Amino acid sequence: MLAERGEAADIPHDEYNRKRLLRSLFNVRMPKNCSDEFIRVQDEYLRQQTKEKGVTDIDDLQPVDGDIYLWQGDITTLKCDAIVNAANSQMLGCFSPCHGCIDNAIHTFAGVQLRAACNEIMTAQGYEEPTGQEKITPAYNLPSKYVIHTVGPIVGGRLTEKDCELLKSCYLSCLKLAEENGVKSIAFCCISTGVFGFPKEEAAKIALSTVREYKAETGSDIKVIFNVFGDSDLRIYQSLFN
């Protein structure tokens, strides 16, 4: 990757910093073709990394309410039909090296193929992805089959009714697209509650009510996992199920 960029760098001696350098290069690499040999080596590396972290299969989880699940963990290690990525309007992933957002993690551990696939979709579309809408791609090196990318609302000040409508649209559009593609299980992250600033408790209420409403109105038996990473998000969702 350094050769692609026409750059040179000192390779760290320790494993931790070598991995961070590699992840940084994944993060900043623009979408473009690469050799079959690179893909082979990358895929082998990423799958081994995921194996070492440990994969959680939806079949090993217990639902908390019908076909609805609550799971705390790293969504890039979750084996289900589709995981949802909280994307930005460019839909190309996070370009900030080693950033802690879910967009960065998903693109990192899926591999460079994911950014290339997103770029192909967005180039054909010809404009940035509207808030509340979605796109679907293969998941490549992730344990899931698909990634559904959705753009959540950015809350810069007081929460508005429009913000809430747009967040609801994220969940509804992802569910509809999932079922159009034969997805039987889908994992939602906490859309818009990170750097996009949507209040966590209100976001969780919208997420859960929207899923329940969708399932009630359509009779869908799609399995829905609410994936949380932090303890505060876990407590919020637990309170909604109690």
C-alpha atoms as a PDB file:
ATOM      1  CA  MET A   1       0.000   0.000   0.000  1.00  0.00           C
ATOM      2  CA  LEU A   2       2.868   2.382   0.695  1.00  0.00           C
ATOM      3  CA  ALA A   3       4.219   1.609  -2.769  1.00  0.00           C
ATOM      4  CA  GLU A   4       0.822   2.483  -4.263  1.00  0.00           C
ATOM      5  CA  ARG A   5       1.055   5.898  -2.617  1.00  0.00           C
ATOM      6  CA  GLY A   6       4.658   6.419  -3.651  1.00  0.00           C
ATOM      7  CA  GLU A   7       5.640   6.716  -0.021  1.00  0.00           C
ATOM      8  CA  ALA A   8       8.004   5.036   2.391  1.00  0.00           C
ATOM      9  CA  ALA A   9       7.672   4.571   6.130  1.00  0.00           C
ATOM     10  CA  ASP A  10       9.488   2.945   8.990  1.00  0.00           C
ATOM     11  CA  ILE A  11       7.733  -0.318   9.795  1.00  0.00           C
ATOM     12  CA  PRO A  12       7.128  -0.586  13.559  1.00  0.00           C
ATOM     13  CA  HIS A  13       8.865  -3.459  15.326  1.00  0.00           C
ATOM     14  CA  ASP A  14       5.949  -4.384  17.575  1.00  0.00           C
ATOM     15  CA  GLU A  15       2.809  -6.156  16.373  1.00  0.00           C
ATOM     16  CA  TYR A  16       0.350  -3.631  17.818  1.00  0.00           C
ATOM     17  CA  ASN A  17       1.777  -0.677  15.917  1.00  0.00           C
ATOM     18  CA  ARG A  18       2.268  -2.709  12.728  1.00  0.00           C
ATOM     19  CA  LYS A  19      -1.461  -3.515  12.816  1.00  0.00           C
ATOM     20  CA  ARG A  20      -2.309   0.146  13.395  1.00  0.00           C
ATOM     21  CA  LEU A  21      -0.164   1.181  10.440  1.00  0.00           C
ATOM     22  CA  LEU A  22      -1.860  -1.399   8.221  1.00  0.00           C
ATOM     23  CA  ARG A  23      -5.314  -0.291   9.363  1.00  0.00           C
ATOM     24  CA  SER A  24      -4.384   3.332   8.701  1.00  0.00           C
ATOM     25  CA  LEU A  25      -3.360   2.430   5.164  1.00  0.00           C
ATOM     26  CA  PHE A  26      -6.637   0.584   4.629  1.00  0.00           C
ATOM     27  CA  ASN A  27      -8.496   3.653   5.904  1.00  0.00           C
ATOM     28  CA  VAL A  28      -6.828   6.210   3.626  1.00  0.00           C
ATOM     29  CA  ARG A  29      -6.630   4.072   0.475  1.00  0.00           C
ATOM     30  CA  MET A  30      -8.818   5.460  -2.299  1.00  0.00           C
ATOM     31  CA  PRO A  31     -11.159   3.032  -4.082  1.00  0.00           C
ATOM     32  CA  LYS A  32      -9.325   1.427  -6.976  1.00  0.00           C
ATOM     33  CA  ASN A  33      -8.313  -1.936  -8.347  1.00  0.00           C
ATOM     34  CA  CYS A  34      -5.612  -4.048  -6.745  1.00  0.00           C
ATOM     35  CA  SER A  35      -3.897  -7.292  -7.625  1.00  0.00           C
ATOM     36  CA  ASP A  36      -5.326 -10.740  -7.054  1.00  0.00           C
ATOM     37  CA  GLU A  37      -2.300 -11.500  -4.898  1.00  0.00           C
ATOM     38  CA  PHE A  38      -2.973  -8.504  -2.656  1.00  0.00           C
ATOM     39  CA  ILE A  39      -6.614  -9.536  -2.240  1.00  0.00           C
ATOM     40  CA  ARG A  40      -5.600 -13.093  -1.389  1.00  0.00           C
ATOM     41  CA  VAL A  41      -3.140 -11.992   1.303  1.00  0.00           C
ATOM     42  CA  GLN A  42      -5.484  -9.332   2.668  1.00  0.00           C
ATOM     43  CA  ASP A  43      -8.434 -11.718   2.864  1.00  0.00           C
ATOM     44  CA  GLU A  44      -6.402 -14.353   4.660  1.00  0.00           C
ATOM     45  CA  TYR A  45      -5.146 -11.776   7.158  1.00  0.00           C
ATOM     46  CA  LEU A  46      -8.549 -10.228   7.865  1.00  0.00           C
ATOM     47  CA  ARG A  47     -10.308 -13.547   8.314  1.00  0.00           C
ATOM     48  CA  GLN A  48      -7.634 -14.650  10.735  1.00  0.00           C
ATOM     49  CA  GLN A  49      -8.020 -11.401  12.675  1.00  0.00           C
ATOM     50  CA  THR A  50     -11.766 -11.955  12.972  1.00  0.00           C
ATOM     51  CA  LYS A  51     -11.257 -15.566  13.998  1.00  0.00           C
ATOM     52  CA  GLU A  52      -8.900 -14.456  16.770  1.00  0.00           C
ATOM     53  CA  LYS A  53     -11.428 -11.898  18.035  1.00  0.00           C
ATOM     54  CA  GLY A  54     -14.108 -14.593  18.066  1.00  0.00           C
ATOM     55  CA  VAL A  55     -17.283 -14.824  15.993  1.00  0.00           C
ATOM     56  CA  THR A  56     -20.753 -14.694  17.563  1.00  0.00           C
ATOM     57  CA  ASP A  57     -23.489 -16.508  15.633  1.00  0.00           C
ATOM     58  CA  ILE A  58     -27.082 -15.300  15.881  1.00  0.00           C
ATOM     59  CA  ASP A  59     -28.098 -18.934  16.361  1.00  0.00           C
ATOM     60  CA  ASP A  60     -26.297 -18.860  19.713  1.00  0.00           C
ATOM     61  CA  LEU A  61     -28.190 -15.799  20.968  1.00  0.00           C
ATOM     62  CA  GLN A  62     -31.415 -15.728  22.934  1.00  0.00           C
ATOM     63  CA  PRO A  63     -34.166 -13.297  21.864  1.00  0.00           C
ATOM     64  CA  VAL A  64     -35.467 -10.782  24.361  1.00  0.00           C
ATOM     65  CA  ASP A  65     -38.809 -10.204  22.657  1.00  0.00           C
ATOM     66  CA  GLY A  66     -40.129 -12.492  19.927  1.00  0.00           C
ATOM     67  CA  ASP A  67     -37.697 -12.218  17.014  1.00  0.00           C
ATOM     68  CA  ILE A  68     -35.854  -9.269  18.571  1.00  0.00           C
ATOM     69  CA  TYR A  69     -32.409  -9.640  20.146  1.00  0.00           C
ATOM     70  CA  LEU A  70     -30.108  -7.416  22.193  1.00  0.00           C
ATOM     71  CA  TRP A  71     -26.383  -8.065  21.931  1.00  0.00           C
ATOM     72  CA  GLN A  72     -23.364  -6.170  23.222  1.00  0.00           C
ATOM     73  CA  GLY A  73     -20.210  -6.611  21.222  1.00  0.00           C
ATOM     74  CA  ASP A  74     -18.206  -5.831  18.092  1.00  0.00           C
ATOM     75  CA  ILE A  75     -20.575  -5.893  15.113  1.00  0.00           C
ATOM     76  CA  THR A  76     -17.719  -6.887  12.788  1.00  0.00           C
ATOM     77  CA  THR A  77     -17.620 -10.253  14.574  1.00  0.00           C
ATOM     78  CA  LEU A  78     -21.346 -10.956  14.321  1.00  0.00           C
ATOM     79  CA  LYS A  79     -22.553 -13.737  12.034  1.00  0.00           C
ATOM     80  CA  CYS A  80     -26.022 -12.975  10.679  1.00  0.00           C
ATOM     81  CA  ASP A  81     -27.386 -12.225   7.239  1.00  0.00           C
ATOM     82  CA  ALA A  82     -26.818  -8.452   7.313  1.00  0.00           C
ATOM     83  CA  ILE A  83     -25.272  -5.827   9.544  1.00  0.00           C
ATOM     84  CA  VAL A  84     -26.124  -2.141   9.308  1.00  0.00           C
ATOM     85  CA  ASN A  85     -23.395   0.446   8.909  1.00  0.00           C
ATOM     86  CA  ALA A  86     -23.869   4.030  10.070  1.00  0.00           C
ATOM     87  CA  ALA A  87     -22.400   5.656   6.976  1.00  0.00           C
ATOM     88  CA  ASN A  88     -21.852   9.213   5.803  1.00  0.00           C
ATOM     89  CA  SER A  89     -23.404  10.670   2.668  1.00  0.00           C
ATOM     90  CA  GLN A  90     -20.358   9.822   0.527  1.00  0.00           C
ATOM     91  CA  MET A  91     -20.913   6.135   1.383  1.00  0.00           C
ATOM     92  CA  LEU A  92     -17.190   5.411   1.036  1.00  0.00           C
ATOM     93  CA  GLY A  93     -16.298   4.666   4.643  1.00  0.00           C
ATOM     94  CA  CYS A  94     -14.248   6.628   7.143  1.00  0.00           C
ATOM     95  CA  PHE A  95     -10.940   8.000   5.815  1.00  0.00           C
ATOM     96  CA  SER A  96      -9.606   8.997   9.262  1.00  0.00           C
ATOM     97  CA  PRO A  97      -6.814   6.557  10.231  1.00  0.00           C
ATOM     98  CA  CYS A  98      -7.859   4.204  13.038  1.00  0.00           C
ATOM     99  CA  HIS A  99     -10.917   6.284  13.915  1.00  0.00           C
ATOM    100  CA  GLY A 100     -13.204   4.631  16.458  1.00  0.00           C
ATOM    101  CA  CYS A 101     -16.429   4.888  14.451  1.00  0.00           C
ATOM    102  CA  ILE A 102     -18.349   1.845  13.264  1.00  0.00           C
ATOM    103  CA  ASP A 103     -17.971   2.950   9.623  1.00  0.00           C
ATOM    104  CA  ASN A 104     -14.205   2.730  10.005  1.00  0.00           C
ATOM    105  CA  ALA A 105     -14.322  -0.704  11.655  1.00  0.00           C
ATOM    106  CA  ILE A 106     -16.679  -2.221   9.093  1.00  0.00           C
ATOM    107  CA  HIS A 107     -14.653  -0.987   6.128  1.00  0.00           C
ATOM    108  CA  THR A 108     -11.393  -2.052   7.743  1.00  0.00           C
ATOM    109  CA  PHE A 109     -12.379  -5.639   8.460  1.00  0.00           C
ATOM    110  CA  ALA A 110     -14.447  -6.121   5.320  1.00  0.00           C
ATOM    111  CA  GLY A 111     -11.409  -5.233   3.226  1.00  0.00           C
ATOM    112  CA  VAL A 112     -10.649  -2.787   0.427  1.00  0.00           C
ATOM    113  CA  GLN A 113     -13.279  -4.451  -1.775  1.00  0.00           C
ATOM    114  CA  LEU A 114     -16.034  -2.778   0.254  1.00  0.00           C
ATOM    115  CA  ARG A 115     -14.936   0.785  -0.510  1.00  0.00           C
ATOM    116  CA  ALA A 116     -14.558  -0.153  -4.178  1.00  0.00           C
ATOM    117  CA  ALA A 117     -18.083  -1.607  -4.245  1.00  0.00           C
ATOM    118  CA  CYS A 118     -19.532   1.479  -2.542  1.00  0.00           C
ATOM    119  CA  ASN A 119     -17.682   3.733  -4.968  1.00  0.00           C
ATOM    120  CA  GLU A 120     -19.125   1.853  -7.936  1.00  0.00           C
ATOM    121  CA  ILE A 121     -22.653   2.265  -6.559  1.00  0.00           C
ATOM    122  CA  MET A 122     -22.209   5.956  -5.774  1.00  0.00           C
ATOM    123  CA  THR A 123     -20.536   6.742  -9.106  1.00  0.00           C
ATOM    124  CA  ALA A 124     -23.484   5.180 -10.916  1.00  0.00           C
ATOM    125  CA  GLN A 125     -25.917   7.119  -8.691  1.00  0.00           C
ATOM    126  CA  GLY A 126     -24.182  10.404  -9.375  1.00  0.00           C
ATOM    127  CA  TYR A 127     -25.069  12.171  -6.135  1.00  0.00           C
ATOM    128  CA  GLU A 128     -24.535  11.731  -2.398  1.00  0.00           C
ATOM    129  CA  GLU A 129     -26.814   9.423  -0.457  1.00  0.00           C
ATOM    130  CA  PRO A 130     -29.803  11.213   1.085  1.00  0.00           C
ATOM    131  CA  THR A 131     -30.286  11.007   4.839  1.00  0.00           C
ATOM    132  CA  GLY A 132     -32.617   8.186   5.826  1.00  0.00           C
ATOM    133  CA  GLN A 133     -31.841   6.078   2.747  1.00  0.00           C
ATOM    134  CA  GLU A 134     -29.631   3.013   2.248  1.00  0.00           C
ATOM    135  CA  LYS A 135     -27.514   0.827  -0.034  1.00  0.00           C
ATOM    136  CA  ILE A 136     -26.579  -2.854   0.216  1.00  0.00           C
ATOM    137  CA  THR A 137     -23.245  -4.514  -0.564  1.00  0.00           C
ATOM    138  CA  PRO A 138     -21.598  -7.856   0.067  1.00  0.00           C
ATOM    139  CA  ALA A 139     -19.801  -8.068   3.424  1.00  0.00           C
ATOM    140  CA  TYR A 140     -16.626  -9.575   1.927  1.00  0.00           C
ATOM    141  CA  ASN A 141     -14.399 -10.671   4.844  1.00  0.00           C
ATOM    142  CA  LEU A 142     -16.950 -10.052   7.596  1.00  0.00           C
ATOM    143  CA  PRO A 143     -18.889 -13.010   9.065  1.00  0.00           C
ATOM    144  CA  SER A 144     -22.182 -11.556   7.802  1.00  0.00           C
ATOM    145  CA  LYS A 145     -23.390 -11.916   4.209  1.00  0.00           C
ATOM    146  CA  TYR A 146     -24.251  -8.282   3.571  1.00  0.00           C
ATOM    147  CA  VAL A 147     -23.655  -4.774   4.826  1.00  0.00           C
ATOM    148  CA  ILE A 148     -26.531  -2.311   4.572  1.00  0.00           C
ATOM    149  CA  HIS A 149     -25.217   1.245   4.662  1.00  0.00           C
ATOM    150  CA  THR A 150     -27.547   4.005   5.856  1.00  0.00           C
ATOM    151  CA  VAL A 151     -27.060   7.715   6.445  1.00  0.00           C
ATOM    152  CA  GLY A 152     -28.494   8.910   9.732  1.00  0.00           C
ATOM    153  CA  PRO A 153     -29.442  12.479  10.619  1.00  0.00           C
ATOM    154  CA  ILE A 154     -26.890  14.854  12.094  1.00  0.00           C
ATOM    155  CA  VAL A 155     -28.209  16.660  15.176  1.00  0.00           C
ATOM    156  CA  GLY A 156     -26.380  19.941  15.629  1.00  0.00           C
ATOM    157  CA  GLY A 157     -28.563  21.463  18.315  1.00  0.00           C
ATOM    158  CA  ARG A 158     -32.100  20.883  19.531  1.00  0.00           C
ATOM    159  CA  LEU A 159     -33.615  17.588  18.433  1.00  0.00           C
ATOM    160  CA  THR A 160     -36.380  18.206  15.888  1.00  0.00           C
ATOM    161  CA  GLU A 161     -39.331  16.199  14.611  1.00  0.00           C
ATOM    162  CA  LYS A 162     -37.577  16.056  11.232  1.00  0.00           C
ATOM    163  CA  ASP A 163     -34.520  14.434  12.858  1.00  0.00           C
ATOM    164  CA  CYS A 164     -36.764  11.778  14.383  1.00  0.00           C
ATOM    165  CA  GLU A 165     -38.547  11.140  11.086  1.00  0.00           C
ATOM    166  CA  LEU A 166     -35.235  10.716   9.284  1.00  0.00           C
ATOM    167  CA  LEU A 167     -33.909   8.283  11.887  1.00  0.00           C
ATOM    168  CA  LYS A 168     -37.118   6.263  11.630  1.00  0.00           C
ATOM    169  CA  SER A 169     -36.641   6.225   7.861  1.00  0.00           C
ATOM    170  CA  CYS A 170     -33.176   4.688   8.323  1.00  0.00           C
ATOM    171  CA  TYR A 171     -34.632   1.715  10.171  1.00  0.00           C
ATOM    172  CA  LEU A 172     -37.618   1.273   7.867  1.00  0.00           C
ATOM    173  CA  SER A 173     -35.640   1.540   4.644  1.00  0.00           C
ATOM    174  CA  CYS A 174     -33.018  -0.915   5.902  1.00  0.00           C
ATOM    175  CA  LEU A 175     -35.690  -3.450   6.886  1.00  0.00           C
ATOM    176  CA  LYS A 176     -37.418  -3.153   3.514  1.00  0.00           C
ATOM    177  CA  LEU A 177     -34.186  -3.456   1.532  1.00  0.00           C
ATOM    178  CA  ALA A 178     -33.094  -6.398   3.659  1.00  0.00           C
ATOM    179  CA  GLU A 179     -36.244  -8.352   2.945  1.00  0.00           C
ATOM    180  CA  GLU A 180     -36.086  -7.489  -0.756  1.00  0.00           C
ATOM    181  CA  ASN A 181     -32.711  -9.234  -0.744  1.00  0.00           C
ATOM    182  CA  GLY A 182     -33.834 -12.320   1.143  1.00  0.00           C
ATOM    183  CA  VAL A 183     -32.224 -11.305   4.441  1.00  0.00           C
ATOM    184  CA  LYS A 184     -33.591 -13.307   7.374  1.00  0.00           C
ATOM    185  CA  SER A 185     -31.607 -11.623  10.141  1.00  0.00           C
ATOM    186  CA  ILE A 186     -30.315  -8.072  10.483  1.00  0.00           C
ATOM    187  CA  ALA A 187     -28.196  -6.327  13.119  1.00  0.00           C
ATOM    188  CA  PHE A 188     -28.635  -2.612  13.722  1.00  0.00           C
ATOM    189  CA  CYS A 189     -25.956  -0.485  15.313  1.00  0.00           C
ATOM    190  CA  CYS A 190     -26.964   2.646  17.251  1.00  0.00           C
ATOM    191  CA  ILE A 191     -27.441   4.838  14.183  1.00  0.00           C
ATOM    192  CA  SER A 192     -26.533   8.541  14.528  1.00  0.00           C
ATOM    193  CA  THR A 193     -25.762   8.386  18.255  1.00  0.00           C
ATOM    194  CA  GLY A 194     -21.994   8.821  17.888  1.00  0.00           C
ATOM    195  CA  VAL A 195     -20.434  11.869  16.238  1.00  0.00           C
ATOM    196  CA  PHE A 196     -23.791  12.612  14.543  1.00  0.00           C
ATOM    197  CA  GLY A 197     -25.109  13.677  17.949  1.00  0.00           C
ATOM    198  CA  PHE A 198     -28.558  12.064  18.139  1.00  0.00           C
ATOM    199  CA  PRO A 199     -29.564  11.670  21.833  1.00  0.00           C
ATOM    200  CA  LYS A 200     -29.062   8.019  22.718  1.00  0.00           C
ATOM    201  CA  GLU A 201     -32.229   7.323  24.669  1.00  0.00           C
ATOM    202  CA  GLU A 202     -34.526   8.933  22.121  1.00  0.00           C
ATOM    203  CA  ALA A 203     -32.718   7.107  19.304  1.00  0.00           C
ATOM    204  CA  ALA A 204     -33.213   3.760  21.033  1.00  0.00           C
ATOM    205  CA  LYS A 205     -36.915   4.442  21.525  1.00  0.00           C
ATOM    206  CA  ILE A 206     -37.319   5.261  17.830  1.00  0.00           C
ATOM    207  CA  ALA A 207     -35.331   2.197  16.794  1.00  0.00           C
ATOM    208  CA  LEU A 208     -37.334  -0.242  18.883  1.00  0.00           C
ATOM    209  CA  SER A 209     -40.753   1.268  18.139  1.00  0.00           C
ATOM    210  CA  THR A 210     -40.009   1.368  14.415  1.00  0.00           C
ATOM    211  CA  VAL A 211     -38.965  -2.278  14.295  1.00  0.00           C
ATOM    212  CA  ARG A 212     -42.006  -3.373  16.302  1.00  0.00           C
ATOM    213  CA  GLU A 213     -44.310  -1.291  14.123  1.00  0.00           C
ATOM    214  CA  TYR A 214     -42.791  -2.703  10.932  1.00  0.00           C
ATOM    215  CA  LYS A 215     -43.102  -6.290  12.103  1.00  0.00           C
ATOM    216  CA  ALA A 216     -46.687  -5.751  13.277  1.00  0.00           C
ATOM    217  CA  GLU A 217     -47.797  -4.090  10.049  1.00  0.00           C
ATOM    218  CA  THR A 218     -46.045  -6.455   7.626  1.00  0.00           C
ATOM    219  CA  GLY A 219     -46.145  -9.735   9.552  1.00  0.00           C
ATOM    220  CA  SER A 220     -42.401 -10.032   8.900  1.00  0.00           C
ATOM    221  CA  ASP A 221     -40.484 -12.751  10.715  1.00  0.00           C
ATOM    222  CA  ILE A 222     -37.095 -11.155  10.097  1.00  0.00           C
ATOM    223  CA  LYS A 223     -34.831 -11.489  13.129  1.00  0.00           C
ATOM    224  CA  VAL A 224     -33.598  -8.130  14.382  1.00  0.00           C
ATOM    225  CA  ILE A 225     -30.544  -7.676  16.585  1.00  0.00           C
ATOM    226  CA  PHE A 226     -29.960  -4.383  18.362  1.00  0.00           C
ATOM    227  CA  ASN A 227     -26.197  -4.248  18.637  1.00  0.00           C
ATOM    228  CA  VAL A 228     -24.689  -2.047  21.333  1.00  0.00           C
ATOM    229  CA  PHE A 229     -21.039  -1.528  22.131  1.00  0.00           C
ATOM    230  CA  GLY A 230     -20.939   0.693  25.209  1.00  0.00           C
ATOM    231  CA  ASP A 231     -22.440  -0.044  28.622  1.00  0.00           C
ATOM    232  CA  SER A 232     -24.611   3.091  28.552  1.00  0.00           C
ATOM    233  CA  ASP A 233     -26.312   1.951  25.345  1.00  0.00           C
ATOM    234  CA  LEU A 234     -26.838  -1.493  26.822  1.00  0.00           C
ATOM    235  CA  ARG A 235     -28.556  -0.039  29.897  1.00  0.00           C
ATOM    236  CA  ILE A 236     -30.822   2.115  27.728  1.00  0.00           C
ATOM    237  CA  TYR A 237     -32.022  -0.826  25.638  1.00  0.00           C
ATOM    238  CA  GLN A 238     -32.407  -3.057  28.671  1.00  0.00           C
ATOM    239  CA  SER A 239     -34.676  -0.461  30.265  1.00  0.00           C
ATOM    240  CA  LEU A 240     -36.868  -0.395  27.143  1.00  0.00           C
ATOM    241  CA  PHE A 241     -37.348  -4.148  27.220  1.00  0.00           C
ATOM    242  CA  ASN A 242     -38.206  -4.239  30.945  1.00  0.00           C
END
